[in-house]
Amino acid sequence: MGTTKNEVSHIRKLEIIRLVEHSHQGVKWTLDELGIPKTTFYRWCDRYLAFGEAGLEGRNSNPGLM
């Protein structure tokens, strides 16, 4: 399967995490400007902290389906 239109690459997720970390505007403002929901951003952060860059890679939403 290819990348869907709404799927964000793990590289882009890491770029967004770093951008928000270094933004002087604050998390909410930066995420609003990027159009990223706060819940999505913090889910990415949690996975990045737990698993490193591998945690940001796409996951199969139905692992039993091949």
N, C-alpha and C. Protein backbone atom coordinates (compact mmCIF):
# COMPACT_ATOMS: atom_id res chain seq x y z
N MET A 1 0.83 -1.18 0.00
CA MET A 1 0.00 0.00 0.00
C MET A 1 0.88 1.25 0.00
N GLY A 2 0.43 2.28 -0.66
CA GLY A 2 1.16 3.53 -0.70
C GLY A 2 0.75 4.46 0.43
N THR A 3 1.33 5.62 0.42
CA THR A 3 1.01 6.63 1.43
C THR A 3 -0.31 7.30 1.05
N THR A 4 -1.20 7.42 2.01
CA THR A 4 -2.46 8.10 1.75
C THR A 4 -2.25 9.60 1.82
N LYS A 5 -3.20 10.33 1.29
CA LYS A 5 -3.11 11.79 1.26
C LYS A 5 -3.00 12.38 2.66
N ASN A 6 -3.68 11.79 3.64
CA ASN A 6 -3.71 12.34 4.99
C ASN A 6 -2.58 11.84 5.88
N GLU A 7 -1.81 10.87 5.40
CA GLU A 7 -0.73 10.31 6.20
C GLU A 7 0.49 11.22 6.16
N VAL A 8 1.07 11.49 7.32
CA VAL A 8 2.24 12.35 7.41
C VAL A 8 3.45 11.44 7.57
N SER A 9 4.51 11.67 6.80
CA SER A 9 5.69 10.82 6.88
C SER A 9 6.37 10.97 8.24
N HIS A 10 7.11 9.96 8.63
CA HIS A 10 7.81 10.02 9.92
C HIS A 10 8.85 11.13 9.92
N ILE A 11 9.40 11.44 8.78
CA ILE A 11 10.38 12.53 8.68
C ILE A 11 9.69 13.86 8.94
N ARG A 12 8.51 14.05 8.36
CA ARG A 12 7.76 15.29 8.57
C ARG A 12 7.31 15.42 10.02
N LYS A 13 6.89 14.31 10.63
CA LYS A 13 6.48 14.34 12.03
C LYS A 13 7.64 14.82 12.91
N LEU A 14 8.84 14.29 12.66
CA LEU A 14 10.02 14.70 13.43
C LEU A 14 10.33 16.18 13.20
N GLU A 15 10.20 16.65 11.95
CA GLU A 15 10.41 18.07 11.66
C GLU A 15 9.42 18.94 12.45
N ILE A 16 8.16 18.50 12.52
CA ILE A 16 7.14 19.26 13.23
C ILE A 16 7.44 19.28 14.72
N ILE A 17 7.83 18.14 15.29
CA ILE A 17 8.18 18.09 16.71
C ILE A 17 9.31 19.07 17.00
N ARG A 18 10.34 19.06 16.18
CA ARG A 18 11.48 19.96 16.40
C ARG A 18 11.09 21.42 16.21
N LEU A 19 10.26 21.69 15.22
CA LEU A 19 9.81 23.06 14.98
C LEU A 19 9.04 23.59 16.18
N VAL A 20 8.13 22.79 16.71
CA VAL A 20 7.33 23.21 17.87
C VAL A 20 8.24 23.40 19.09
N GLU A 21 9.20 22.49 19.28
CA GLU A 21 10.12 22.60 20.42
C GLU A 21 10.89 23.92 20.40
N HIS A 22 11.24 24.39 19.21
CA HIS A 22 12.09 25.58 19.09
C HIS A 22 11.31 26.86 18.78
N SER A 23 10.00 26.74 18.68
CA SER A 23 9.18 27.91 18.37
C SER A 23 9.11 28.86 19.56
N HIS A 24 9.21 30.13 19.29
CA HIS A 24 9.07 31.15 20.33
C HIS A 24 7.61 31.57 20.49
N GLN A 25 6.74 31.03 19.65
CA GLN A 25 5.33 31.41 19.65
C GLN A 25 4.47 30.57 20.58
N GLY A 26 4.98 29.46 21.05
CA GLY A 26 4.19 28.58 21.90
C GLY A 26 3.61 27.41 21.12
N VAL A 27 3.32 26.36 21.82
CA VAL A 27 2.84 25.13 21.20
C VAL A 27 1.51 25.35 20.49
N LYS A 28 0.52 25.89 21.18
CA LYS A 28 -0.82 26.05 20.60
C LYS A 28 -0.79 26.89 19.34
N TRP A 29 -0.12 28.02 19.38
CA TRP A 29 -0.07 28.91 18.22
C TRP A 29 0.61 28.21 17.04
N THR A 30 1.73 27.56 17.31
CA THR A 30 2.48 26.89 16.24
C THR A 30 1.66 25.78 15.62
N LEU A 31 1.03 24.96 16.45
CA LEU A 31 0.21 23.87 15.92
C LEU A 31 -0.99 24.39 15.15
N ASP A 32 -1.61 25.46 15.64
CA ASP A 32 -2.72 26.08 14.90
C ASP A 32 -2.26 26.54 13.52
N GLU A 33 -1.09 27.15 13.47
CA GLU A 33 -0.55 27.63 12.18
C GLU A 33 -0.27 26.47 11.23
N LEU A 34 0.15 25.34 11.78
CA LEU A 34 0.47 24.16 10.96
C LEU A 34 -0.77 23.32 10.65
N GLY A 35 -1.86 23.59 11.36
CA GLY A 35 -3.08 22.81 11.16
C GLY A 35 -2.98 21.41 11.75
N ILE A 36 -2.17 21.26 12.81
CA ILE A 36 -1.99 19.97 13.47
C ILE A 36 -2.76 19.99 14.80
N PRO A 37 -3.68 19.05 15.01
CA PRO A 37 -4.37 18.99 16.29
C PRO A 37 -3.40 18.69 17.44
N LYS A 38 -3.63 19.32 18.60
CA LYS A 38 -2.76 19.11 19.75
C LYS A 38 -2.69 17.63 20.14
N THR A 39 -3.81 16.94 20.09
CA THR A 39 -3.82 15.53 20.48
C THR A 39 -2.93 14.70 19.55
N THR A 40 -2.96 15.01 18.27
CA THR A 40 -2.11 14.31 17.31
C THR A 40 -0.65 14.59 17.60
N PHE A 41 -0.30 15.86 17.82
CA PHE A 41 1.08 16.23 18.11
C PHE A 41 1.60 15.52 19.35
N TYR A 42 0.82 15.52 20.42
CA TYR A 42 1.29 14.89 21.65
C TYR A 42 1.36 13.37 21.52
N ARG A 43 0.51 12.78 20.69
CA ARG A 43 0.61 11.34 20.41
C ARG A 43 1.94 11.05 19.71
N TRP A 44 2.31 11.91 18.72
CA TRP A 44 3.60 11.75 18.05
C TRP A 44 4.74 11.90 19.04
N CYS A 45 4.66 12.89 19.92
CA CYS A 45 5.72 13.12 20.92
C CYS A 45 5.87 11.91 21.84
N ASP A 46 4.75 11.38 22.31
CA ASP A 46 4.80 10.21 23.20
C ASP A 46 5.45 9.03 22.50
N ARG A 47 5.09 8.78 21.25
CA ARG A 47 5.67 7.67 20.51
C ARG A 47 7.14 7.90 20.22
N TYR A 48 7.51 9.15 19.95
CA TYR A 48 8.91 9.49 19.69
C TYR A 48 9.75 9.28 20.96
N LEU A 49 9.24 9.71 22.10
CA LEU A 49 9.97 9.52 23.35
C LEU A 49 10.10 8.04 23.72
N ALA A 50 9.07 7.27 23.45
CA ALA A 50 9.07 5.85 23.80
C ALA A 50 9.89 4.98 22.85
N PHE A 51 9.85 5.30 21.54
CA PHE A 51 10.43 4.40 20.54
C PHE A 51 11.43 5.06 19.59
N GLY A 52 11.71 6.34 19.79
CA GLY A 52 12.62 7.04 18.88
C GLY A 52 11.95 7.28 17.53
N GLU A 53 12.76 7.49 16.51
CA GLU A 53 12.20 7.77 15.18
C GLU A 53 11.32 6.65 14.67
N ALA A 54 11.62 5.41 15.04
CA ALA A 54 10.81 4.27 14.60
C ALA A 54 9.36 4.41 15.08
N GLY A 55 9.15 5.07 16.21
CA GLY A 55 7.81 5.27 16.73
C GLY A 55 6.97 6.22 15.89
N LEU A 56 7.63 6.98 15.02
CA LEU A 56 6.91 7.94 14.17
C LEU A 56 6.51 7.35 12.83
N GLU A 57 7.02 6.17 12.53
CA GLU A 57 6.69 5.54 11.26
C GLU A 57 5.25 5.07 11.27
N GLY A 58 4.67 5.00 10.09
CA GLY A 58 3.27 4.58 9.96
C GLY A 58 3.05 3.21 10.56
N ARG A 59 1.87 3.04 11.11
CA ARG A 59 1.51 1.76 11.70
C ARG A 59 0.28 1.22 10.99
N ASN A 60 0.23 -0.08 10.87
CA ASN A 60 -0.93 -0.73 10.28
C ASN A 60 -2.07 -0.68 11.29
N SER A 61 -3.17 -0.06 10.92
CA SER A 61 -4.30 0.07 11.84
C SER A 61 -5.05 -1.26 12.01
N ASN A 62 -4.77 -2.23 11.16
CA ASN A 62 -5.39 -3.55 11.27
C ASN A 62 -4.32 -4.61 11.05
N PRO A 63 -3.47 -4.87 12.05
CA PRO A 63 -2.34 -5.78 11.87
C PRO A 63 -2.73 -7.21 11.52
N GLY A 64 -3.96 -7.63 11.78
CA GLY A 64 -4.39 -8.98 11.44
C GLY A 64 -4.71 -9.13 9.97
N LEU A 65 -4.85 -8.04 9.26
CA LEU A 65 -5.21 -8.06 7.85
C LEU A 65 -3.97 -8.00 7.01
N MET A 66 -3.79 -8.94 6.16
CA MET A 66 -2.60 -8.96 5.29
C MET A 66 -2.99 -8.82 3.85
